[in-house]
Amino acid sequence: MNVWLTLGVAIIAEVIGTSALKASHGFSQLLPSMVVVAGYGVAFFCLSLTLRQMPIGIAYAVWSGAGTALIALIGVVLYKQRLDIPAIIGIVLIISGVLVLNLFSKSSPH
């Protein structure tokens, strides 16, 4: 499987798990709690497969950066959370950093 596809699956699974974490209400709700465990299980499994071909620093930067940006977006859309200007600037900087790593770094597999 393509390393970027595997990393993408890891990111999506982590975002699903994290989104369900809020809905689990401290693991007191069974179904969301099961989604959390499954989401993180898939995320870490796929991340471990990614690390066979990609340096850990690059993989983790992309995984955590993309996950952070997606969770912030889900917070706005699903949970009606508001982001102030510093939060938006921070998220833009995270996305910019991931893009710089992917487009210009020789450490990142292309």
C-alpha atoms as a PDB file:
ATOM      1  CA  MET A   1       0.000   0.000   0.000  1.00  0.00           C
ATOM      2  CA  ASN A   2       1.193   3.514  -0.778  1.00  0.00           C
ATOM      3  CA  VAL A   3       2.880   5.152   2.229  1.00  0.00           C
ATOM      4  CA  TRP A   4       0.865   8.370   1.837  1.00  0.00           C
ATOM      5  CA  LEU A   5      -2.399   6.467   1.594  1.00  0.00           C
ATOM      6  CA  THR A   6      -1.514   4.529   4.743  1.00  0.00           C
ATOM      7  CA  LEU A   7      -0.672   7.766   6.530  1.00  0.00           C
ATOM      8  CA  GLY A   8      -3.959   9.267   5.312  1.00  0.00           C
ATOM      9  CA  VAL A   9      -5.891   6.328   6.762  1.00  0.00           C
ATOM     10  CA  ALA A  10      -4.005   6.800  10.052  1.00  0.00           C
ATOM     11  CA  ILE A  11      -4.965  10.482  10.118  1.00  0.00           C
ATOM     12  CA  ILE A  12      -8.640   9.855   9.338  1.00  0.00           C
ATOM     13  CA  ALA A  13      -8.848   7.037  11.923  1.00  0.00           C
ATOM     14  CA  GLU A  14      -7.262   9.267  14.577  1.00  0.00           C
ATOM     15  CA  VAL A  15      -9.683  12.090  13.771  1.00  0.00           C
ATOM     16  CA  ILE A  16     -12.647   9.696  14.030  1.00  0.00           C
ATOM     17  CA  GLY A  17     -11.349   8.367  17.349  1.00  0.00           C
ATOM     18  CA  THR A  18     -10.750  11.830  18.744  1.00  0.00           C
ATOM     19  CA  SER A  19     -14.176  13.047  17.612  1.00  0.00           C
ATOM     20  CA  ALA A  20     -15.795  10.072  19.335  1.00  0.00           C
ATOM     21  CA  LEU A  21     -13.763  10.794  22.472  1.00  0.00           C
ATOM     22  CA  LYS A  22     -15.879  13.868  23.177  1.00  0.00           C
ATOM     23  CA  ALA A  23     -19.071  11.898  22.554  1.00  0.00           C
ATOM     24  CA  SER A  24     -17.945   9.105  24.911  1.00  0.00           C
ATOM     25  CA  HIS A  25     -18.384  11.431  27.920  1.00  0.00           C
ATOM     26  CA  GLY A  26     -15.367  10.057  29.756  1.00  0.00           C
ATOM     27  CA  PHE A  27     -15.877   6.530  28.403  1.00  0.00           C
ATOM     28  CA  SER A  28     -19.327   6.328  30.011  1.00  0.00           C
ATOM     29  CA  GLN A  29     -21.086   5.782  26.655  1.00  0.00           C
ATOM     30  CA  LEU A  30     -20.397   2.344  25.161  1.00  0.00           C
ATOM     31  CA  LEU A  31     -20.717   2.946  21.397  1.00  0.00           C
ATOM     32  CA  PRO A  32     -18.605   6.121  21.206  1.00  0.00           C
ATOM     33  CA  SER A  33     -16.054   4.494  23.530  1.00  0.00           C
ATOM     34  CA  MET A  34     -15.776   1.536  21.166  1.00  0.00           C
ATOM     35  CA  VAL A  35     -15.289   3.952  18.240  1.00  0.00           C
ATOM     36  CA  VAL A  36     -12.475   5.657  20.188  1.00  0.00           C
ATOM     37  CA  VAL A  37     -10.647   2.376  20.794  1.00  0.00           C
ATOM     38  CA  ALA A  38     -11.135   1.173  17.214  1.00  0.00           C
ATOM     39  CA  GLY A  39     -10.160   4.546  15.735  1.00  0.00           C
ATOM     40  CA  TYR A  40      -6.956   4.809  17.729  1.00  0.00           C
ATOM     41  CA  GLY A  41      -6.161   1.142  17.079  1.00  0.00           C
ATOM     42  CA  VAL A  42      -6.413   1.610  13.315  1.00  0.00           C
ATOM     43  CA  ALA A  43      -4.567   4.937  13.529  1.00  0.00           C
ATOM     44  CA  PHE A  44      -1.568   3.557  15.390  1.00  0.00           C
ATOM     45  CA  PHE A  45      -1.458   0.396  13.274  1.00  0.00           C
ATOM     46  CA  CYS A  46      -1.409   2.418  10.039  1.00  0.00           C
ATOM     47  CA  LEU A  47       1.093   4.887  11.502  1.00  0.00           C
ATOM     48  CA  SER A  48       3.367   1.967  12.379  1.00  0.00           C
ATOM     49  CA  LEU A  49       3.143   0.720   8.774  1.00  0.00           C
ATOM     50  CA  THR A  50       3.968   4.221   7.533  1.00  0.00           C
ATOM     51  CA  LEU A  51       7.109   4.279   9.677  1.00  0.00           C
ATOM     52  CA  ARG A  52       8.541   1.364   7.669  1.00  0.00           C
ATOM     53  CA  GLN A  53       9.094   3.736   4.737  1.00  0.00           C
ATOM     54  CA  MET A  54       8.999   7.262   6.167  1.00  0.00           C
ATOM     55  CA  PRO A  55      11.151   8.962   8.813  1.00  0.00           C
ATOM     56  CA  ILE A  56       9.343   9.189  12.144  1.00  0.00           C
ATOM     57  CA  GLY A  57       9.738  12.969  12.397  1.00  0.00           C
ATOM     58  CA  ILE A  58       8.112  13.585   9.031  1.00  0.00           C
ATOM     59  CA  ALA A  59       5.341  11.023   9.552  1.00  0.00           C
ATOM     60  CA  TYR A  60       4.462  12.329  12.987  1.00  0.00           C
ATOM     61  CA  ALA A  61       4.559  15.966  11.886  1.00  0.00           C
ATOM     62  CA  VAL A  62       2.144  15.269   9.041  1.00  0.00           C
ATOM     63  CA  TRP A  63      -0.049  12.993  11.184  1.00  0.00           C
ATOM     64  CA  SER A  64      -0.345  15.362  14.109  1.00  0.00           C
ATOM     65  CA  GLY A  65      -0.558  18.535  12.006  1.00  0.00           C
ATOM     66  CA  ALA A  66      -3.261  17.273   9.694  1.00  0.00           C
ATOM     67  CA  GLY A  67      -5.123  15.695  12.608  1.00  0.00           C
ATOM     68  CA  THR A  68      -5.012  18.945  14.582  1.00  0.00           C
ATOM     69  CA  ALA A  69      -6.368  20.963  11.676  1.00  0.00           C
ATOM     70  CA  LEU A  70      -9.133  18.453  10.955  1.00  0.00           C
ATOM     71  CA  ILE A  71     -10.172  18.216  14.610  1.00  0.00           C
ATOM     72  CA  ALA A  72     -10.339  22.009  14.810  1.00  0.00           C
ATOM     73  CA  LEU A  73     -12.589  22.008  11.734  1.00  0.00           C
ATOM     74  CA  ILE A  74     -14.802  19.284  13.228  1.00  0.00           C
ATOM     75  CA  GLY A  75     -15.013  21.279  16.454  1.00  0.00           C
ATOM     76  CA  VAL A  76     -16.316  24.261  14.500  1.00  0.00           C
ATOM     77  CA  VAL A  77     -18.744  22.295  12.317  1.00  0.00           C
ATOM     78  CA  LEU A  78     -20.096  19.625  14.678  1.00  0.00           C
ATOM     79  CA  TYR A  79     -19.645  21.141  18.115  1.00  0.00           C
ATOM     80  CA  LYS A  80     -20.227  24.806  17.179  1.00  0.00           C
ATOM     81  CA  GLN A  81     -16.911  25.830  18.730  1.00  0.00           C
ATOM     82  CA  ARG A  82     -15.564  29.221  17.744  1.00  0.00           C
ATOM     83  CA  LEU A  83     -11.978  29.888  16.754  1.00  0.00           C
ATOM     84  CA  ASP A  84     -10.465  33.289  17.412  1.00  0.00           C
ATOM     85  CA  ILE A  85      -7.893  34.940  15.149  1.00  0.00           C
ATOM     86  CA  PRO A  86      -4.827  33.529  17.001  1.00  0.00           C
ATOM     87  CA  ALA A  87      -6.286  30.003  16.736  1.00  0.00           C
ATOM     88  CA  ILE A  88      -6.918  30.411  13.019  1.00  0.00           C
ATOM     89  CA  ILE A  89      -3.405  31.792  12.487  1.00  0.00           C
ATOM     90  CA  GLY A  90      -1.946  28.856  14.443  1.00  0.00           C
ATOM     91  CA  ILE A  91      -3.842  26.316  12.364  1.00  0.00           C
ATOM     92  CA  VAL A  92      -2.751  28.018   9.140  1.00  0.00           C
ATOM     93  CA  LEU A  93       0.856  27.844  10.366  1.00  0.00           C
ATOM     94  CA  ILE A  94       0.470  24.123  11.150  1.00  0.00           C
ATOM     95  CA  ILE A  95      -0.913  23.443   7.660  1.00  0.00           C
ATOM     96  CA  SER A  96       1.858  25.575   6.139  1.00  0.00           C
ATOM     97  CA  GLY A  97       4.478  23.577   8.021  1.00  0.00           C
ATOM     98  CA  VAL A  98       3.071  20.281   6.760  1.00  0.00           C
ATOM     99  CA  LEU A  99       3.062  21.640   3.200  1.00  0.00           C
ATOM    100  CA  VAL A 100       6.677  22.838   3.487  1.00  0.00           C
ATOM    101  CA  LEU A 101       7.729  19.404   4.777  1.00  0.00           C
ATOM    102  CA  ASN A 102       5.982  17.634   1.924  1.00  0.00           C
ATOM    103  CA  LEU A 103       6.879  19.956  -0.921  1.00  0.00           C
ATOM    104  CA  PHE A 104      10.422  21.070  -0.112  1.00  0.00           C
ATOM    105  CA  SER A 105      12.072  18.738   2.387  1.00  0.00           C
ATOM    106  CA  LYS A 106      14.457  16.105   1.109  1.00  0.00           C
ATOM    107  CA  SER A 107      13.631  14.123   4.297  1.00  0.00           C
ATOM    108  CA  SER A 108      10.106  13.466   3.062  1.00  0.00           C
ATOM    109  CA  PRO A 109       9.558  10.589   0.620  1.00  0.00           C
ATOM    110  CA  HIS A 110       8.152  11.934  -2.661  1.00  0.00           C
END
